[in-house]
Amino acid sequence: MADWLFAAPLQPRRRALPLLCVFILVAGVLASGCLSGRTAGDGQPMATLGRVTRGRLVVSISATGQVVAGQAQEVRAESSGTVISVLAREGDRVEAGQVLAELENADVVTQASLARLDVADAEAELAELCAQGELKGSVFRKALVADSPGRVVSVASGVVQSAQVRAQAPLLTLAAPDRIDLVVEVTYTERQQLGVGSRAEVFPKDFTGSLEGRVSWVADAPVTSPESYRYQVGIGIDQPGLVREGGRASAHIFGPGGTVVRDGVFRWADARVVTAPFDGLLSRLEVQAGEVVSAGQLLAVVESDQVPKKLEALQRELERRRLVLDQRAKALAGLTITAPVSGVLSGFAVEVGQRLQAGQTLGRILAEGPLEVEAAVDETQVAQVRNGLKAEVILEAIPGRAFLGRVESVAVEGQPKGGTTAYASRIVLEEPVPGARPGMTAQASILVAEKSGVLLVPIEALVEEGGRTMVRVPAQPGEGAPFRLQPVEVGLRSDSQAEIISGLSEGDAVVVAIFNPEQAPDFMRPGMFGVRIRRSEGGGTRPAVPGHGGGGGQ
């Protein structure tokens, strides 16, 4: 299917080398189309003809780049510190979360501990305030109830409904409903003779007769007085009748070693003071002095419109401290350098004793997955490239094989390259490539368009003139000139072929190149130096390999 040129042996002479170079150049032009030669007669222009064929047209863009890891992720130091151990090396296969190295930084540890304490303090303060009541709309209220059965023995002065009260101020006092204690003081020796349950006879100062009682408690610690150490003893009296707190009496306490006689003062048994939980308004007072109450009975209600504001402030402070703790905790966790993903460790050169700074890049992990090729597409062709296009990749380090892939992304911004601008396009390979490594040089052909069963002519046959596209075809007998221009409508174009939509039919001859012997140097004329031009059988076009920067007909 090709033109063949034969050259007879040349004798050495001056100008042989330059003439030979020109000869080879012109002969190459004639032969490059793989077309048939034709002459119009002695002294007439000769034409290289081709035929309109039907086949598949592939339009592709060639780009050079290199292999990159599909999902490479950097390993960084999240905290500053001194390396105290290295647990992985360059080239190791690591798992996500695996410890690669450990750092030491006492300040980071201390700051994290202090932040935890700050949060605990804020949480405790907030919990304590919340336990004092409940929020009802914009008002914080606390219902005060009796924790056990008892008697309201007193209501504090000035405590009335709708009164303003202060936090921890006494509101009322509850005591056991049917028991009172006579509190006396005894010496250490006397204390040794007594015990809980010892019988006693009590003689109130303002009453005739006596009351039966028993020792209900004995203090462990003495009460210091100017005279000596004394220990308090409580004598419980059930059904005290008219006896009230503050009255005085004399007690005869009967112990194993004899009778102890002491004076004392009556105190309500199990007395407990109910106080205001916070500053606010006593919105309800449900009991009065002398009233017997049951466990869980409502005593009073205190409300405040200021506590909600304090709660809000405490919440904000707690959130602030938690944010600080999060930062400190991350810094503490950053002292342990771990693998962000599974893969192969690359460029990791950390040594014990090395001082690292927060944010410092320590290496990369080449994640498992398909390799990618980052290829530079020229600015004149980038508009044709889009995501999802098929591509074919050849690696210089692995000759003889081509690997299929697809375009995953095209850079929005270009970079200067060799006097023009190139746009980085990433191609994901669809199959594993044994032996391939990041950094290897790659040649990519990106398939931007293809059609099958279309009419094709060599790209050299097109003639652009006056805004129209035409081809030269052999003239019919009697037309005078050997060739004439035929207007055509062209579709897709590759580097070597063009699609003909209308104007030609399959099998038509078209002129690919014209050579006029009359305008050629003597040494290039037919017959000179044994040069002959043969016409092969049939016409044809240069085949194009799909995906290699050209086109092909099939």
Protein backbone atom coordinates (compact mmCIF):
# COMPACT_ATOMS: atom_id res chain seq x y z
CA MET A 1 0.00 0.00 0.00
CA ALA A 2 2.99 2.30 -0.08
CA ASP A 3 5.10 4.17 -2.61
CA TRP A 4 8.52 2.61 -2.97
CA LEU A 5 11.65 4.62 -3.79
CA PHE A 6 14.78 2.94 -5.09
CA ALA A 7 18.15 4.71 -5.32
CA ALA A 8 21.14 3.41 -7.31
CA PRO A 9 24.55 3.46 -5.58
CA LEU A 10 26.10 6.91 -5.74
CA GLN A 11 29.75 7.63 -6.54
CA PRO A 12 31.58 9.81 -4.07
CA ARG A 13 31.77 13.43 -5.15
CA ARG A 14 31.47 16.91 -3.78
CA ARG A 15 27.94 17.90 -2.74
CA ALA A 16 27.08 14.24 -2.24
CA LEU A 17 26.17 14.64 1.46
CA PRO A 18 23.92 17.72 1.11
CA LEU A 19 22.23 16.35 -2.00
CA LEU A 20 21.61 13.05 -0.32
CA CYS A 21 19.96 14.80 2.65
CA VAL A 22 17.59 16.72 0.38
CA PHE A 23 16.84 13.56 -1.55
CA ILE A 24 15.95 11.67 1.60
CA LEU A 25 13.76 14.59 2.79
CA VAL A 26 11.73 14.76 -0.43
CA ALA A 27 11.50 11.00 -0.73
CA GLY A 28 10.19 10.86 2.83
CA VAL A 29 7.45 13.34 1.99
CA LEU A 30 6.39 11.23 -0.98
CA ALA A 31 6.40 8.02 1.02
CA SER A 32 4.91 9.29 4.28
CA GLY A 33 1.33 9.16 3.04
CA CYS A 34 1.61 5.43 2.18
CA LEU A 35 -0.28 6.41 -1.00
CA SER A 36 -0.02 5.67 -4.74
CA GLY A 37 1.98 7.90 -7.09
CA ARG A 38 0.60 9.25 -10.39
CA THR A 39 2.07 11.41 -13.16
CA ALA A 40 0.18 13.41 -15.76
CA GLY A 41 2.80 12.91 -18.39
CA ASP A 42 6.34 14.02 -19.11
CA GLY A 43 6.93 17.38 -17.46
CA GLN A 44 3.50 17.36 -15.80
CA PRO A 45 2.98 17.61 -11.98
CA MET A 46 2.92 14.33 -10.17
CA ALA A 47 0.36 13.68 -7.43
CA THR A 48 0.20 11.37 -4.46
CA LEU A 49 -3.35 10.03 -4.35
CA GLY A 50 -5.42 8.51 -1.60
CA ARG A 51 -8.83 6.92 -1.43
CA VAL A 52 -11.89 7.81 0.59
CA THR A 53 -12.35 4.90 2.98
CA ARG A 54 -14.96 3.99 5.57
CA GLY A 55 -13.81 3.17 9.05
CA ARG A 56 -13.32 4.27 12.66
CA LEU A 57 -11.92 7.69 13.53
CA VAL A 58 -10.27 8.21 16.88
CA VAL A 59 -9.36 11.68 18.12
CA SER A 60 -6.97 11.72 21.06
CA ILE A 61 -4.74 14.12 22.93
CA SER A 62 -1.22 13.21 23.94
CA ALA A 63 0.15 14.31 27.29
CA THR A 64 3.27 13.57 29.32
CA GLY A 65 3.25 13.16 33.08
CA GLN A 66 4.23 10.89 35.90
CA VAL A 67 2.74 8.20 38.10
CA VAL A 68 1.40 9.44 41.43
CA ALA A 69 -0.10 7.58 44.37
CA GLY A 70 -3.87 7.60 44.06
CA GLN A 71 -4.50 8.46 47.72
CA ALA A 72 -1.28 9.74 49.23
CA GLN A 73 -1.72 11.40 52.63
CA GLU A 74 0.83 13.40 54.55
CA VAL A 75 2.02 12.43 58.03
CA ARG A 76 2.33 15.53 60.23
CA ALA A 77 3.40 16.33 63.76
CA GLU A 78 0.28 17.65 65.48
CA SER A 79 2.23 18.88 68.52
CA SER A 80 5.70 20.17 69.22
CA GLY A 81 7.99 17.89 71.15
CA THR A 82 11.13 15.77 71.29
CA VAL A 83 11.06 12.31 69.69
CA ILE A 84 11.49 9.60 72.34
CA SER A 85 10.69 6.55 70.20
CA VAL A 86 10.38 5.65 66.50
CA LEU A 87 8.27 2.61 65.70
CA ALA A 88 8.18 2.64 61.87
CA ARG A 89 10.61 3.24 59.03
CA GLU A 90 10.64 4.24 55.36
CA GLY A 91 8.95 1.60 53.20
CA ASP A 92 7.07 -0.10 56.06
CA ARG A 93 3.52 -1.28 55.46
CA VAL A 94 1.39 0.42 58.16
CA GLU A 95 -2.24 0.29 59.24
CA ALA A 96 -4.50 3.26 59.92
CA GLY A 97 -4.03 4.35 63.54
CA GLN A 98 -0.71 2.53 63.95
CA VAL A 99 1.78 4.39 66.16
CA LEU A 100 4.73 5.65 64.10
CA ALA A 101 6.57 7.71 66.73
CA GLU A 102 6.15 9.21 70.22
CA LEU A 103 7.05 12.68 71.47
CA GLU A 104 7.73 14.20 74.87
CA ASN A 105 6.55 17.65 76.01
CA ALA A 106 5.95 18.30 79.73
CA ASP A 107 4.16 21.60 79.10
CA VAL A 108 1.55 19.94 76.90
CA VAL A 109 0.87 17.30 79.59
CA THR A 110 0.52 19.92 82.34
CA GLN A 111 -1.78 22.14 80.31
CA ALA A 112 -4.06 19.19 79.51
CA SER A 113 -4.29 18.25 83.21
CA LEU A 114 -5.14 21.82 84.25
CA ALA A 115 -7.78 22.06 81.54
CA ARG A 116 -9.44 18.87 82.81
CA LEU A 117 -9.55 20.30 86.36
CA ASP A 118 -11.06 23.57 85.09
CA VAL A 119 -13.84 21.68 83.32
CA ALA A 120 -14.52 19.52 86.39
CA ASP A 121 -14.82 22.65 88.58
CA ALA A 122 -17.24 24.32 86.17
CA GLU A 123 -19.33 21.16 85.87
CA ALA A 124 -19.52 20.82 89.66
CA GLU A 125 -20.57 24.45 90.12
CA LEU A 126 -23.24 24.15 87.46
CA ALA A 127 -24.53 20.85 88.87
CA GLU A 128 -24.69 22.33 92.37
CA LEU A 129 -26.76 25.28 91.18
CA CYS A 130 -29.06 23.09 89.10
CA ALA A 131 -29.65 20.83 92.13
CA GLN A 132 -30.99 23.81 94.05
CA GLY A 133 -34.14 24.00 91.99
CA GLU A 134 -35.68 23.85 88.55
CA LEU A 135 -36.13 26.33 85.73
CA LYS A 136 -39.72 27.29 84.98
CA GLY A 137 -39.67 29.61 82.00
CA SER A 138 -37.57 32.59 83.04
CA VAL A 139 -37.90 31.83 86.78
CA PHE A 140 -35.80 29.44 88.84
CA ARG A 141 -37.72 27.91 91.73
CA LYS A 142 -37.03 25.59 94.62
CA ALA A 143 -39.73 23.77 96.58
CA LEU A 144 -38.57 23.08 100.17
CA VAL A 145 -40.07 19.91 101.67
CA ALA A 146 -39.67 18.01 104.95
CA ASP A 147 -37.14 15.20 104.59
CA SER A 148 -38.67 13.28 107.53
CA PRO A 149 -41.56 13.58 109.97
CA GLY A 150 -41.10 16.36 112.52
CA ARG A 151 -42.34 19.45 114.21
CA VAL A 152 -41.84 23.06 113.12
CA VAL A 153 -40.29 24.27 116.32
CA SER A 154 -39.60 27.80 115.07
CA VAL A 155 -39.89 30.17 112.11
CA ALA A 156 -37.07 32.69 111.73
CA SER A 157 -37.78 36.32 112.43
CA GLY A 158 -38.97 38.26 109.38
CA VAL A 159 -39.72 35.14 107.39
CA VAL A 160 -43.14 35.72 105.88
CA GLN A 161 -44.66 35.02 102.50
CA SER A 162 -43.42 37.38 99.73
CA ALA A 163 -40.37 38.36 101.78
CA GLN A 164 -36.95 38.66 100.13
CA VAL A 165 -34.51 36.08 101.49
CA ARG A 166 -30.74 35.64 101.22
CA ALA A 167 -28.95 32.47 100.24
CA GLN A 168 -28.34 30.17 103.26
CA ALA A 169 -30.45 32.36 105.54
CA PRO A 170 -32.46 30.27 108.14
CA LEU A 171 -36.17 30.04 107.35
CA LEU A 172 -37.46 27.59 109.95
CA THR A 173 -36.35 24.77 112.25
CA LEU A 174 -37.66 21.21 112.28
CA ALA A 175 -37.16 18.68 115.07
CA ALA A 176 -38.34 15.25 116.15
CA PRO A 177 -42.06 15.64 116.92
CA ASP A 178 -42.20 13.77 120.28
CA ARG A 179 -38.68 13.85 121.72
CA ILE A 180 -36.35 16.39 123.33
CA ASP A 181 -32.76 16.06 124.54
CA LEU A 182 -31.24 17.36 127.75
CA VAL A 183 -27.62 18.16 126.93
CA VAL A 184 -25.17 17.96 129.87
CA GLU A 185 -21.38 18.05 130.13
CA VAL A 186 -19.37 15.39 132.00
CA THR A 187 -15.71 14.76 132.78
CA TYR A 188 -13.58 12.17 131.06
CA THR A 189 -13.84 9.82 134.05
CA GLU A 190 -17.60 10.23 134.21
CA ARG A 191 -17.83 9.62 130.47
CA GLN A 192 -16.14 6.28 130.93
CA GLN A 193 -18.90 5.23 133.35
CA LEU A 194 -21.71 6.11 130.93
CA GLY A 195 -22.94 4.73 127.64
CA VAL A 196 -25.78 5.01 125.18
CA GLY A 197 -28.85 3.54 126.85
CA SER A 198 -27.91 4.41 130.43
CA ARG A 199 -31.03 5.28 132.45
CA ALA A 200 -31.51 8.84 133.72
CA GLU A 201 -34.00 10.79 135.79
CA VAL A 202 -34.50 14.43 134.82
CA PHE A 203 -35.76 17.19 137.09
CA PRO A 204 -36.89 20.30 135.16
CA LYS A 205 -36.24 23.57 137.01
CA ASP A 206 -39.67 25.06 136.38
CA PHE A 207 -41.74 21.91 136.93
CA THR A 208 -42.61 19.70 139.84
CA GLY A 209 -41.69 16.08 139.51
CA SER A 210 -39.30 14.31 137.17
CA LEU A 211 -39.11 12.81 133.68
CA GLU A 212 -37.65 9.45 132.68
CA GLY A 213 -34.96 9.41 130.00
CA ARG A 214 -32.01 7.50 128.59
CA VAL A 215 -28.63 8.51 127.22
CA SER A 216 -29.15 8.79 123.42
CA TRP A 217 -25.66 9.92 122.44
CA VAL A 218 -22.18 10.63 123.86
CA ALA A 219 -19.78 13.01 122.11
CA ASP A 220 -16.47 11.55 120.98
CA ALA A 221 -14.58 14.85 121.12
CA PRO A 222 -14.35 17.03 124.23
CA VAL A 223 -15.54 20.61 124.53
CA THR A 224 -12.63 22.79 125.59
CA SER A 225 -13.34 25.12 128.50
CA PRO A 226 -11.05 27.25 130.68
CA GLU A 227 -11.51 24.83 133.58
CA SER A 228 -11.14 21.41 131.96
CA TYR A 229 -12.10 19.16 129.10
CA ARG A 230 -15.79 18.27 129.08
CA TYR A 231 -17.79 15.81 126.95
CA GLN A 232 -21.39 16.45 125.95
CA VAL A 233 -23.99 13.78 126.65
CA GLY A 234 -27.56 13.81 125.32
CA ILE A 235 -30.40 12.40 127.41
CA GLY A 236 -33.44 11.69 125.28
CA ILE A 237 -36.89 12.26 126.73
CA ASP A 238 -39.95 10.93 124.94
CA GLN A 239 -43.27 12.75 125.18
CA PRO A 240 -41.76 15.88 126.77
CA GLY A 241 -45.12 17.55 127.24
CA LEU A 242 -44.68 21.23 128.01
CA VAL A 243 -40.89 21.12 128.12
CA ARG A 244 -39.40 23.41 125.47
CA GLU A 245 -35.98 24.15 124.04
CA GLY A 246 -33.80 26.36 126.24
CA GLY A 247 -35.25 25.20 129.58
CA ARG A 248 -32.86 23.95 132.25
CA ALA A 249 -32.94 20.74 134.29
CA SER A 250 -30.84 18.54 136.56
CA ALA A 251 -30.15 14.95 135.55
CA HIS A 252 -29.25 11.89 137.60
CA ILE A 253 -27.52 9.44 135.28
CA PHE A 254 -27.19 5.88 136.58
CA GLY A 255 -24.06 4.09 135.37
CA PRO A 256 -22.25 0.87 136.35
CA GLY A 257 -19.81 2.82 138.53
CA GLY A 258 -22.40 4.97 140.25
CA THR A 259 -24.66 7.95 139.67
CA VAL A 260 -23.53 11.08 137.82
CA VAL A 261 -25.46 14.27 138.60
CA ARG A 262 -25.20 17.18 136.16
CA ASP A 263 -27.21 20.22 135.09
CA GLY A 264 -28.06 20.81 131.46
CA VAL A 265 -30.17 22.61 128.83
CA PHE A 266 -33.03 21.19 126.77
CA ARG A 267 -32.45 21.01 123.00
CA TRP A 268 -34.80 19.72 120.36
CA ALA A 269 -33.80 16.23 119.26
CA ASP A 270 -32.70 15.83 115.63
CA ALA A 271 -33.11 19.57 115.04
CA ARG A 272 -32.40 20.73 111.53
CA VAL A 273 -32.55 24.21 110.07
CA VAL A 274 -34.21 24.79 106.68
CA THR A 275 -32.36 27.56 104.79
CA ALA A 276 -32.95 29.54 101.59
CA PRO A 277 -31.12 27.86 98.66
CA PHE A 278 -30.36 31.15 96.89
CA ASP A 279 -31.18 34.83 96.91
CA GLY A 280 -34.80 35.32 95.92
CA LEU A 281 -38.42 35.73 96.81
CA LEU A 282 -40.22 33.54 99.39
CA SER A 283 -43.25 33.08 97.17
CA ARG A 284 -44.96 30.56 99.48
CA LEU A 285 -44.77 29.72 103.22
CA GLU A 286 -46.95 26.68 103.97
CA VAL A 287 -46.28 26.00 107.70
CA GLN A 288 -46.11 27.79 111.05
CA ALA A 289 -44.38 27.20 114.37
CA GLY A 290 -45.64 24.21 116.36
CA GLU A 291 -47.08 22.44 113.36
CA VAL A 292 -46.31 18.73 112.95
CA VAL A 293 -45.33 17.81 109.38
CA SER A 294 -44.95 14.53 107.53
CA ALA A 295 -42.06 13.44 105.30
CA GLY A 296 -42.28 15.13 101.86
CA GLN A 297 -44.70 17.82 102.98
CA LEU A 298 -44.22 21.22 101.29
CA LEU A 299 -42.78 23.80 103.66
CA ALA A 300 -42.02 26.81 101.41
CA VAL A 301 -41.15 27.89 97.85
CA VAL A 302 -38.29 30.25 96.91
CA GLU A 303 -38.10 31.82 93.43
CA SER A 304 -35.49 33.91 91.58
CA ASP A 305 -35.23 35.65 88.21
CA GLN A 306 -31.48 36.11 88.64
CA VAL A 307 -30.46 32.46 88.90
CA PRO A 308 -31.33 31.77 85.21
CA LYS A 309 -28.82 34.45 84.22
CA LYS A 310 -26.22 32.85 86.43
CA LEU A 311 -27.01 29.46 84.91
CA GLU A 312 -26.51 30.86 81.43
CA ALA A 313 -23.20 32.43 82.42
CA LEU A 314 -22.03 29.14 83.94
CA GLN A 315 -23.04 27.27 80.79
CA ARG A 316 -21.01 29.65 78.63
CA GLU A 317 -18.03 29.33 80.93
CA LEU A 318 -18.30 25.55 80.87
CA GLU A 319 -18.38 25.53 77.05
CA ARG A 320 -15.34 27.79 76.94
CA ARG A 321 -13.43 25.51 79.28
CA ARG A 322 -14.45 22.46 77.27
CA LEU A 323 -13.12 24.06 74.08
CA VAL A 324 -9.83 24.73 75.84
CA LEU A 325 -9.81 21.13 77.05
CA ASP A 326 -10.43 19.87 73.51
CA GLN A 327 -7.45 21.87 72.28
CA ARG A 328 -5.26 20.66 75.14
CA ALA A 329 -6.43 17.07 74.64
CA LYS A 330 -5.62 17.22 70.92
CA ALA A 331 -2.19 18.59 71.71
CA LEU A 332 -1.68 15.76 74.19
CA ALA A 333 -2.86 13.16 71.69
CA GLY A 334 -0.55 14.79 69.14
CA LEU A 335 2.45 13.59 71.13
CA THR A 336 1.65 10.18 69.64
CA ILE A 337 2.15 10.25 65.86
CA THR A 338 -0.10 7.74 64.13
CA ALA A 339 -0.76 6.67 60.55
CA PRO A 340 -3.80 8.53 59.12
CA VAL A 341 -4.50 5.74 56.59
CA SER A 342 -3.24 2.28 55.74
CA GLY A 343 -0.50 2.04 53.15
CA VAL A 344 3.24 2.25 52.59
CA LEU A 345 5.28 4.80 54.53
CA SER A 346 7.29 7.09 52.25
CA GLY A 347 9.82 9.82 53.04
CA PHE A 348 9.63 9.17 56.81
CA ALA A 349 13.01 10.02 58.34
CA VAL A 350 12.37 10.71 62.04
CA GLU A 351 15.07 10.02 64.63
CA VAL A 352 15.08 9.74 68.43
CA GLY A 353 16.05 13.06 70.02
CA GLN A 354 14.85 15.09 67.07
CA ARG A 355 12.85 18.21 67.92
CA LEU A 356 9.62 18.48 65.91
CA GLN A 357 7.32 21.48 65.46
CA ALA A 358 3.54 21.36 65.33
CA GLY A 359 2.40 21.09 61.71
CA GLN A 360 5.76 19.80 60.46
CA THR A 361 5.44 17.31 57.57
CA LEU A 362 7.24 14.07 58.38
CA GLY A 363 6.45 11.97 55.30
CA ARG A 364 3.61 10.47 53.32
CA ILE A 365 1.58 7.29 53.32
CA LEU A 366 0.86 5.91 49.88
CA ALA A 367 -2.58 4.43 50.40
CA GLU A 368 -3.52 1.18 48.74
CA GLY A 369 -5.67 1.60 45.68
CA PRO A 370 -5.40 2.32 41.97
CA LEU A 371 -2.42 4.33 40.80
CA GLU A 372 -2.92 7.63 39.02
CA VAL A 373 -1.09 9.53 36.32
CA GLU A 374 -0.83 13.29 36.49
CA ALA A 375 -0.38 14.48 32.92
CA ALA A 376 0.12 18.01 31.59
CA VAL A 377 -2.43 18.92 28.88
CA ASP A 378 -1.59 21.86 26.63
CA GLU A 379 -3.80 24.95 26.86
CA THR A 380 -4.82 24.55 23.19
CA GLN A 381 -6.33 21.14 23.92
CA VAL A 382 -7.55 21.30 27.52
CA ALA A 383 -11.05 22.43 26.49
CA GLN A 384 -11.58 19.00 24.92
CA VAL A 385 -10.69 17.10 28.10
CA ARG A 386 -13.39 16.29 30.65
CA ASN A 387 -13.92 13.88 33.51
CA GLY A 388 -14.72 10.30 32.57
CA LEU A 389 -12.88 10.21 29.22
CA LYS A 390 -11.02 7.01 28.47
CA ALA A 391 -7.24 7.12 28.35
CA GLU A 392 -4.36 4.82 27.51
CA VAL A 393 -1.10 5.07 29.43
CA ILE A 394 2.35 3.79 28.58
CA LEU A 395 5.11 3.78 31.22
CA GLU A 396 8.67 4.22 30.03
CA ALA A 397 9.86 1.92 32.80
CA ILE A 398 7.50 -0.87 31.66
CA PRO A 399 7.80 -0.93 27.86
CA GLY A 400 5.58 -3.00 25.62
CA ARG A 401 2.40 -2.59 27.65
CA ALA A 402 -0.42 -0.07 27.66
CA PHE A 403 -2.73 0.44 30.62
CA LEU A 404 -6.30 1.69 30.46
CA GLY A 405 -7.63 4.47 32.65
CA ARG A 406 -10.13 7.31 32.91
CA VAL A 407 -9.78 11.03 33.46
CA GLU A 408 -10.75 11.82 37.05
CA SER A 409 -10.08 15.56 37.19
CA VAL A 410 -8.77 18.52 35.20
CA ALA A 411 -7.08 21.45 36.94
CA VAL A 412 -8.91 24.75 36.87
CA GLU A 413 -5.70 26.77 36.92
CA GLY A 414 -2.81 26.17 34.55
CA GLN A 415 0.93 26.33 35.16
CA PRO A 416 3.60 27.80 32.84
CA LYS A 417 5.48 25.14 30.93
CA GLY A 418 7.93 25.64 28.07
CA GLY A 419 6.58 28.99 26.93
CA THR A 420 2.94 27.88 27.09
CA THR A 421 0.46 26.89 29.78
CA ALA A 422 -0.33 23.32 30.82
CA TYR A 423 -3.22 21.99 32.89
CA ALA A 424 -2.72 19.02 35.21
CA SER A 425 -5.12 16.17 34.45
CA ARG A 426 -5.35 13.14 36.73
CA ILE A 427 -5.97 9.75 35.11
CA VAL A 428 -6.97 6.82 37.34
CA LEU A 429 -5.65 3.50 36.06
CA GLU A 430 -8.31 0.79 35.94
CA GLU A 431 -5.99 -2.13 36.61
CA PRO A 432 -3.04 -2.91 38.89
CA VAL A 433 0.36 -2.18 37.38
CA PRO A 434 2.96 -4.56 38.82
CA GLY A 435 6.28 -2.80 39.25
CA ALA A 436 4.89 0.72 38.85
CA ARG A 437 5.99 3.30 41.39
CA PRO A 438 5.13 6.95 41.98
CA GLY A 439 7.39 9.25 40.01
CA MET A 440 7.73 7.06 36.90
CA THR A 441 7.39 8.87 33.56
CA ALA A 442 4.15 8.21 31.69
CA GLN A 443 2.81 8.96 28.22
CA ALA A 444 -0.97 9.32 28.11
CA SER A 445 -3.38 9.39 25.18
CA ILE A 446 -6.77 10.77 26.15
CA LEU A 447 -9.60 9.69 23.87
CA VAL A 448 -11.69 12.81 23.32
CA ALA A 449 -13.92 11.56 20.47
CA GLU A 450 -14.46 8.56 18.19
CA LYS A 451 -16.80 7.53 15.41
CA SER A 452 -17.22 4.27 13.55
CA GLY A 453 -18.40 3.65 10.00
CA VAL A 454 -17.61 7.17 8.76
CA LEU A 455 -15.94 8.36 5.53
CA LEU A 456 -12.27 9.18 6.03
CA VAL A 457 -9.56 11.02 4.07
CA PRO A 458 -5.94 11.77 4.98
CA ILE A 459 -5.70 15.07 6.83
CA GLU A 460 -3.15 16.26 4.21
CA ALA A 461 -5.88 16.15 1.54
CA LEU A 462 -7.79 19.09 3.05
CA VAL A 463 -7.38 22.50 1.44
CA GLU A 464 -8.59 25.59 3.34
CA GLU A 465 -9.39 28.45 0.97
CA GLY A 466 -11.71 31.42 1.28
CA GLY A 467 -13.26 30.15 4.50
CA ARG A 468 -14.21 26.88 2.79
CA THR A 469 -12.78 23.38 3.16
CA MET A 470 -12.07 21.49 -0.08
CA VAL A 471 -10.05 18.60 -1.46
CA ARG A 472 -8.29 18.13 -4.82
CA VAL A 473 -9.61 15.33 -6.93
CA PRO A 474 -8.39 14.11 -10.39
CA ALA A 475 -10.05 16.08 -13.22
CA GLN A 476 -12.26 14.35 -15.75
CA PRO A 477 -10.99 14.03 -19.34
CA GLY A 478 -11.43 17.28 -21.23
CA GLU A 479 -11.38 19.52 -18.14
CA GLY A 480 -7.92 20.76 -19.08
CA ALA A 481 -6.22 20.88 -15.64
CA PRO A 482 -5.14 17.58 -14.08
CA PHE A 483 -6.95 18.33 -10.76
CA ARG A 484 -9.93 20.27 -9.56
CA LEU A 485 -11.12 21.51 -6.10
CA GLN A 486 -14.10 19.72 -4.57
CA PRO A 487 -15.94 21.41 -1.63
CA VAL A 488 -16.55 19.07 1.32
CA GLU A 489 -18.16 19.20 4.77
CA VAL A 490 -15.77 17.97 7.46
CA GLY A 491 -16.63 16.50 10.87
CA LEU A 492 -14.07 15.19 13.36
CA ARG A 493 -10.36 15.63 12.70
CA SER A 494 -7.41 13.78 14.13
CA ASP A 495 -3.71 14.28 13.51
CA SER A 496 -3.85 12.02 10.45
CA GLN A 497 -7.45 11.77 9.25
CA ALA A 498 -10.62 13.78 8.80
CA GLU A 499 -14.25 12.73 8.71
CA ILE A 500 -16.11 13.63 5.48
CA ILE A 501 -19.79 14.33 6.07
CA SER A 502 -20.66 15.30 2.51
CA GLY A 503 -18.96 16.05 -0.85
CA LEU A 504 -17.23 12.67 -1.41
CA SER A 505 -18.14 9.02 -1.63
CA GLU A 506 -16.37 5.91 -0.49
CA GLY A 507 -13.63 4.93 -2.96
CA ASP A 508 -13.20 8.41 -4.45
CA ALA A 509 -9.60 9.44 -5.16
CA VAL A 510 -8.19 12.53 -3.48
CA VAL A 511 -4.88 14.31 -3.90
CA VAL A 512 -2.67 14.10 -0.82
CA ALA A 513 0.46 15.80 -2.20
CA ILE A 514 1.65 17.33 -5.51
CA PHE A 515 5.23 17.30 -6.82
CA ASN A 516 6.23 19.23 -9.97
CA PRO A 517 9.37 17.73 -11.56
CA GLU A 518 9.97 20.92 -13.60
CA GLN A 519 10.51 22.87 -10.37
CA ALA A 520 12.70 20.26 -8.71
CA PRO A 521 16.53 20.23 -8.78
CA ASP A 522 18.14 18.14 -11.47
CA PHE A 523 19.16 15.42 -9.10
CA MET A 524 15.49 14.89 -8.10
CA ARG A 525 14.08 14.41 -11.62
CA PRO A 526 12.79 10.98 -12.53
CA GLY A 527 15.52 8.83 -13.97
CA MET A 528 18.35 10.77 -12.31
CA PHE A 529 20.64 8.56 -10.21
CA GLY A 530 18.37 5.60 -10.89
CA VAL A 531 15.38 7.16 -9.04
CA ARG A 532 12.04 5.70 -10.03
CA ILE A 533 8.51 6.09 -8.62
CA ARG A 534 6.13 3.17 -8.67
CA ARG A 535 2.43 3.13 -8.08
CA SER A 536 1.29 0.34 -5.81
CA GLU A 537 -1.85 -1.62 -6.35
CA GLY A 538 -4.91 0.18 -4.92
CA GLY A 539 -5.05 3.27 -2.72
CA GLY A 540 -4.91 3.58 1.02
CA THR A 541 -4.37 5.72 4.04
CA ARG A 542 -1.86 5.65 6.81
CA PRO A 543 -3.29 3.59 9.66
CA ALA A 544 -3.65 5.28 12.99
CA VAL A 545 -3.33 3.43 16.34
CA PRO A 546 -6.36 4.23 18.52
CA GLY A 547 -5.38 6.26 21.54
CA HIS A 548 -1.95 7.36 20.33
CA GLY A 549 -2.40 10.94 19.29
CA GLY A 550 -3.81 10.18 15.88
CA GLY A 551 -6.62 8.40 14.16
CA GLY A 552 -7.19 5.22 12.34
CA GLY A 553 -9.49 3.69 9.78
CA GLN A 554 -10.66 0.11 10.07
